[in-house]
Each structure stands twice: as structure tokens, then as C-alpha cells.
């Protein structure tokens, strides 16, 4: 158990001012750029191409899985692939999978396991269960000769120099690499299928994409029964309820 700081210690801690200078940020951005260039320069395009074609010709469902920050990346990539409407894509939690969710996996499904180290116990525990279901396993890892890559059917190496975290520990570069790689491959699948704007928009009915590509005036206009209508001879007082109940802030005079 720790002890509470004395009032003097607490006060001095509050009065300390910490700032981040533009030069501090500039150094980190330069370092991140260097790390990303390292990835681009050393990525094995033959592995990337094989992975892209695996997604392109997926015969059944595609599951993305990962733990912690890699799990967030896996979740995002599954949503992006699903939004294309080309295949059934979903996120599979490696923890929940061992408690029943693996029931969604069938023979021929593809499970993509994302892990920087390739040594996450949760993913290693999932592998034999997924193999027993007849799934095809693909790992995306950054550490050479890791245990996960040896257990999977296919491995794609995502080269990284390190993390720009002061301790070279927090996944602030490796996750960026995972996201860039995954999103680029999904974009290649989208291009190969020649997905039309209308097809893409059909899966985005809400938000700016849907409003910009799907919705027409007739989809959002008020229909006859919802219009606040009056005649020029009507008394204003009699039309107050019409004015307020239809929520338009106006009356249309016939």
C-alpha cells in the first residue's frame, strides 16, 4: 500500500508545468516517418500479394482476431471489409471464442490473427481450436520466428524498426503499420472487384456517405399528411396547433 502525499508535496506537484514544444513533436513525427519508411521499404510484396488474393477469393467467412491494441486494429479491418459487401467479415475475440463464439466458425472460413510479437497466449490458445473447426489461419506478425507464425497456415511479416514510445514498448508504431497494411490490402480487394459507388453506398445508408450517394429529395421530404397546410381565409389562432404539431416552423398557404 502506498502513502498519500503530504499537502506540500501535492501542491508542488500541481504547480509543476509540463509543455510539449513544436521541436519535440517534430522529432517524433520524423522518427515515425522513418519507422514507416522502414516498413514500406522492407515489406515482402509477394507475401502481401498472396494475402490480398486470399481475401479476394475467400470462399466463406473471414474473421479478424487480435488482443489489446492489435485487437482494435482487427476489429476495424473486419468492419472495413464487411462494408464492401463482398464477403461475410467479422471480428472474433480470441477470449470469447474459447467460451462459445468459435461456434460461428465453419470449415473453410479464414481467421486472420494479428499480433506484433506473435506470442500472445490468447491467440496461441485459439489456434488448435480453430484448426479443429477446419479454418484456414493467417497470421500478421512483426517479430521473426515467432510461435504464432509457425502454427498458422500462412504468415505475413510486417517489418518494424521499433516503437516511437520512449521505452520502445507501447504499440504506437506497430499498430500504425498493421492498420496501413490491412487497409491497403482491403482497398486492393475493393479495386479488384470494381466496386461501384452505388454498391458501396448501399452499405452506408447513414452518415455523410449515405446522404451524399443514396438519399434523394423524395427520401427526406415530408409527405402530404405531414405538411402544415392552411387556407388564406383560416384564422391564425385556429392554425396554431397545425403550425406547432408538424414541427416545420411554417405554414403552407393554399
Protein backbone atom coordinates (compact mmCIF):
# COMPACT_ATOMS: atom_id res chain seq x y z
CA UNK A 1 0.00 0.00 0.00
CA UNK A 2 1.33 3.46 -0.90
CA UNK A 3 1.08 6.53 1.29
CA UNK A 4 -0.76 9.71 0.41
CA UNK A 5 1.42 12.71 -0.46
CA UNK A 6 1.66 15.49 2.10
CA UNK A 7 -0.17 18.75 1.30
CA UNK A 8 3.18 20.34 0.41
CA UNK A 9 4.07 17.53 -1.99
CA UNK A 10 0.61 17.66 -3.56
CA UNK A 11 0.79 21.43 -4.02
CA UNK A 12 4.24 21.29 -5.61
CA UNK A 13 3.04 18.56 -7.97
CA UNK A 14 0.13 20.71 -9.11
CA UNK A 15 2.23 23.79 -9.74
CA UNK A 16 4.70 21.97 -12.00
CA UNK A 17 4.11 22.98 -15.62
CA UNK A 18 4.86 20.49 -18.38
CA UNK A 19 4.79 21.55 -22.02
CA UNK A 20 5.34 19.91 -25.37
CA UNK A 21 7.27 22.03 -27.83
CA UNK A 22 6.96 22.01 -31.60
CA UNK A 23 10.51 20.70 -31.81
CA UNK A 24 9.55 17.77 -29.56
CA UNK A 25 6.68 16.87 -31.89
CA UNK A 26 8.80 17.42 -34.97
CA UNK A 27 11.37 14.90 -33.76
CA UNK A 28 8.68 12.31 -33.06
CA UNK A 29 6.98 12.82 -36.41
CA UNK A 30 10.33 12.48 -38.16
CA UNK A 31 11.01 9.32 -36.20
CA UNK A 32 7.57 7.90 -37.04
CA UNK A 33 8.11 8.72 -40.72
CA UNK A 34 11.44 6.89 -40.62
CA UNK A 35 9.81 3.86 -39.00
CA UNK A 36 7.02 3.77 -41.58
CA UNK A 37 9.52 4.08 -44.41
CA UNK A 38 11.36 1.13 -42.91
CA UNK A 39 8.13 -0.86 -43.19
CA UNK A 40 7.44 0.21 -46.79
CA UNK A 41 11.00 -0.49 -47.90
CA UNK A 42 11.15 -3.97 -46.38
CA UNK A 43 7.64 -5.32 -46.85
CA UNK A 44 7.66 -8.59 -48.80
CA UNK A 45 5.25 -7.81 -51.65
CA UNK A 46 4.95 -11.48 -52.56
CA UNK A 47 3.56 -12.19 -49.08
CA UNK A 48 1.29 -9.15 -49.28
CA UNK A 49 0.01 -10.21 -52.71
CA UNK A 50 -0.71 -13.74 -51.54
CA UNK A 51 -2.63 -12.34 -48.55
CA UNK A 52 -4.61 -9.96 -50.78
CA UNK A 53 -5.63 -12.82 -53.08
CA UNK A 54 -6.57 -14.91 -50.06
CA UNK A 55 -9.09 -12.23 -49.11
CA UNK A 56 -10.16 -11.70 -52.71
CA UNK A 57 -11.04 -15.35 -53.22
CA UNK A 58 -12.27 -16.13 -49.70
CA UNK A 59 -14.78 -18.98 -50.17
CA UNK A 60 -16.60 -18.38 -46.92
CA UNK A 61 -16.45 -16.05 -43.92
CA UNK A 62 -13.41 -14.01 -42.93
CA UNK A 63 -12.69 -13.41 -39.25
CA UNK A 64 -10.13 -10.96 -37.87
CA UNK A 65 -8.78 -11.57 -34.39
CA UNK A 66 -6.31 -9.95 -32.03
CA UNK A 67 -5.85 -8.96 -28.42
CA UNK A 68 -5.45 -5.49 -26.86
CA UNK A 69 -4.36 -2.79 -29.38
CA UNK A 70 -3.95 -5.35 -32.18
CA UNK A 71 -7.49 -6.43 -31.41
CA UNK A 72 -8.74 -2.89 -32.04
CA UNK A 73 -6.99 -2.94 -35.42
CA UNK A 74 -8.54 -6.34 -36.19
CA UNK A 75 -11.98 -5.01 -35.30
CA UNK A 76 -11.56 -2.02 -37.59
CA UNK A 77 -10.30 -4.06 -40.54
CA UNK A 78 -13.18 -6.52 -40.22
CA UNK A 79 -15.66 -3.64 -40.36
CA UNK A 80 -13.95 -2.12 -43.40
CA UNK A 81 -14.02 -5.42 -45.30
CA UNK A 82 -17.64 -6.05 -44.29
CA UNK A 83 -18.63 -2.60 -45.54
CA UNK A 84 -17.68 -3.61 -49.09
CA UNK A 85 -20.41 -6.24 -49.09
CA UNK A 86 -18.13 -8.74 -50.81
CA UNK A 87 -17.78 -11.34 -48.08
CA UNK A 88 -19.01 -12.06 -44.57
CA UNK A 89 -16.38 -10.43 -42.37
CA UNK A 90 -16.43 -10.11 -38.61
CA UNK A 91 -14.26 -9.65 -35.54
CA UNK A 92 -13.63 -12.74 -33.43
CA UNK A 93 -12.50 -12.09 -29.87
CA UNK A 94 -9.85 -14.69 -29.02
CA UNK A 95 -11.09 -14.79 -25.43
CA UNK A 96 -14.80 -15.06 -26.21
CA UNK A 97 -14.03 -17.58 -28.96
CA UNK A 98 -12.88 -20.06 -26.32
CA UNK A 99 -16.14 -19.52 -24.47
CA UNK A 100 -18.54 -20.31 -27.29
CA UNK A 101 -18.05 -17.72 -30.03
CA UNK A 102 -15.93 -20.12 -32.07
CA UNK A 103 -19.22 -21.78 -32.90
CA UNK A 104 -19.57 -19.14 -35.63
CA UNK A 105 -16.52 -20.58 -37.41
CA UNK A 106 -17.04 -23.28 -40.06
CA UNK A 107 -14.76 -25.32 -42.28
CA UNK A 108 -13.13 -23.20 -44.96
CA UNK A 109 -13.51 -19.93 -43.05
CA UNK A 110 -10.43 -17.72 -42.84
CA UNK A 111 -9.19 -16.41 -39.49
CA UNK A 112 -6.62 -13.61 -39.60
CA UNK A 113 -4.65 -13.36 -36.37
CA UNK A 114 -2.94 -10.00 -35.79
CA UNK A 115 -0.10 -9.79 -33.25
CA UNK A 116 3.11 -7.80 -33.15
CA UNK A 117 5.00 -10.39 -31.09
CA UNK A 118 3.20 -13.48 -32.31
CA UNK A 119 3.41 -14.74 -28.74
CA UNK A 120 0.04 -13.70 -27.28
CA UNK A 121 -1.26 -16.58 -25.20
CA UNK A 122 -4.86 -15.82 -26.14
CA UNK A 123 -4.14 -16.26 -29.86
CA UNK A 124 -1.94 -19.33 -29.33
CA UNK A 125 -4.76 -20.93 -27.35
CA UNK A 126 -7.22 -20.16 -30.13
CA UNK A 127 -5.14 -21.82 -32.88
CA UNK A 128 -5.77 -25.53 -32.12
CA UNK A 129 -9.47 -24.91 -31.62
CA UNK A 130 -9.73 -23.02 -34.91
CA UNK A 131 -7.81 -25.77 -36.73
CA UNK A 132 -10.18 -28.36 -35.30
CA UNK A 133 -13.03 -26.39 -36.89
CA UNK A 134 -11.30 -26.60 -40.28
CA UNK A 135 -10.48 -22.90 -40.54
CA UNK A 136 -7.58 -21.50 -42.56
CA UNK A 137 -5.26 -19.49 -40.30
CA UNK A 138 -3.29 -16.43 -41.43
CA UNK A 139 -1.04 -14.51 -39.04
CA UNK A 140 0.18 -10.91 -39.39
CA UNK A 141 3.21 -10.52 -37.13
CA UNK A 142 6.33 -8.39 -36.78
CA UNK A 143 8.77 -10.49 -34.74
CA UNK A 144 10.75 -13.00 -36.78
CA UNK A 145 10.40 -16.72 -36.00
CA UNK A 146 7.55 -16.21 -33.56
CA UNK A 147 5.44 -19.17 -32.33
CA UNK A 148 2.17 -17.97 -33.88
CA UNK A 149 3.62 -17.78 -37.38
CA UNK A 150 4.84 -21.37 -37.11
CA UNK A 151 1.38 -22.63 -36.15
CA UNK A 152 -0.58 -20.82 -38.86
CA UNK A 153 -1.05 -21.89 -42.47
CA UNK A 154 0.23 -18.55 -43.78
CA UNK A 155 2.26 -15.75 -42.20
CA UNK A 156 2.81 -12.20 -43.40
CA UNK A 157 5.76 -10.43 -41.82
CA UNK A 158 5.14 -6.75 -41.08
CA UNK A 159 8.66 -5.31 -40.58
CA UNK A 160 9.11 -2.64 -37.92
CA UNK A 161 12.20 -0.92 -36.51
CA UNK A 162 10.65 -0.26 -33.16
CA UNK A 163 8.11 1.91 -31.39
CA UNK A 164 8.49 5.68 -31.02
CA UNK A 165 7.41 5.29 -27.40
CA UNK A 166 10.25 6.40 -25.06
CA UNK A 167 10.56 2.81 -23.80
CA UNK A 168 10.12 1.19 -27.22
CA UNK A 169 7.18 -0.70 -25.71
CA UNK A 170 3.82 1.00 -26.30
CA UNK A 171 2.35 -0.12 -29.66
CA UNK A 172 2.27 3.31 -31.31
CA UNK A 173 4.15 2.37 -34.48
CA UNK A 174 3.36 -1.34 -34.86
CA UNK A 175 -0.40 -0.68 -34.79
CA UNK A 176 0.00 2.05 -37.40
CA UNK A 177 1.82 -0.45 -39.61
CA UNK A 178 -0.89 -3.07 -39.05
CA UNK A 179 -3.61 -0.58 -39.98
CA UNK A 180 -1.80 0.73 -43.06
CA UNK A 181 -1.13 -2.79 -44.31
CA UNK A 182 -4.65 -4.06 -43.65
CA UNK A 183 -6.45 -1.05 -45.11
CA UNK A 184 -4.26 -1.06 -48.23
CA UNK A 185 -4.96 -4.74 -48.86
CA UNK A 186 -8.71 -4.21 -48.37
CA UNK A 187 -8.53 -1.31 -50.85
CA UNK A 188 -6.89 -3.66 -53.35
CA UNK A 189 -9.76 -6.11 -52.91
CA UNK A 190 -12.22 -3.29 -53.48
CA UNK A 191 -10.41 -2.24 -56.67
CA UNK A 192 -10.14 -5.81 -57.97
CA UNK A 193 -13.89 -6.32 -57.57
CA UNK A 194 -14.51 -2.96 -59.26
CA UNK A 195 -16.94 -1.99 -56.52
CA UNK A 196 -19.27 0.72 -57.83
CA UNK A 197 -20.08 3.84 -55.83
CA UNK A 198 -23.71 2.79 -55.65
CA UNK A 199 -22.78 -0.67 -54.36
CA UNK A 200 -20.53 0.84 -51.70
CA UNK A 201 -23.13 3.43 -50.75
CA UNK A 202 -25.80 0.75 -50.33
CA UNK A 203 -23.92 -0.46 -47.23
CA UNK A 204 -23.64 3.07 -45.80
CA UNK A 205 -27.24 4.31 -45.58
CA UNK A 206 -26.47 6.69 -42.70
CA UNK A 207 -23.97 9.49 -42.28
CA UNK A 208 -22.37 11.66 -44.93
CA UNK A 209 -21.67 8.75 -47.31
CA UNK A 210 -25.27 7.62 -47.38
CA UNK A 211 -26.71 11.10 -47.64
CA UNK A 212 -24.33 12.00 -50.42
CA UNK A 213 -24.74 8.87 -52.56
CA UNK A 214 -28.10 7.29 -51.75
CA UNK A 215 -30.67 9.74 -50.46
CA UNK A 216 -32.81 11.71 -52.88
CA UNK A 217 -35.10 14.61 -52.07
CA UNK A 218 -38.10 12.26 -52.05
CA UNK A 219 -36.45 10.18 -49.33
CA UNK A 220 -36.34 13.03 -46.82
CA UNK A 221 -39.20 15.32 -47.90
CA UNK A 222 -42.36 15.49 -45.81
CA UNK A 223 -45.33 13.72 -47.31
CA UNK A 224 -48.77 15.26 -47.72
CA UNK A 225 -50.17 14.19 -44.36
CA UNK A 226 -47.16 15.68 -42.58
CA UNK A 227 -47.33 19.11 -44.21
CA UNK A 228 -48.55 22.11 -42.16
CA UNK A 229 -51.27 23.37 -44.51
CA UNK A 230 -53.84 26.14 -44.16
CA UNK A 231 -56.01 28.32 -46.40
CA UNK A 232 -55.74 32.08 -46.63
CA UNK A 233 -59.17 32.55 -45.05
CA UNK A 234 -58.34 30.47 -41.94
CA UNK A 235 -57.97 32.21 -38.58
CA UNK A 236 -54.41 32.32 -37.30
CA UNK A 237 -55.44 31.19 -33.82
CA UNK A 238 -57.13 28.13 -35.30
CA UNK A 239 -53.92 27.17 -37.08
CA UNK A 240 -51.54 27.37 -34.14
CA UNK A 241 -51.82 23.66 -33.45
CA UNK A 242 -51.16 22.93 -37.13
CA UNK A 243 -48.11 25.18 -37.01
CA UNK A 244 -46.62 23.61 -33.89
CA UNK A 245 -47.61 19.96 -34.27
CA UNK A 246 -45.99 19.43 -37.67
CA UNK A 247 -42.60 20.73 -36.46
CA UNK A 248 -41.80 22.76 -39.59
CA UNK A 249 -41.87 26.28 -38.15
CA UNK A 250 -44.07 27.45 -41.01
CA UNK A 251 -47.50 27.12 -42.63
CA UNK A 252 -48.06 26.43 -46.32
CA UNK A 253 -50.93 28.53 -47.57
CA UNK A 254 -53.18 27.06 -50.29
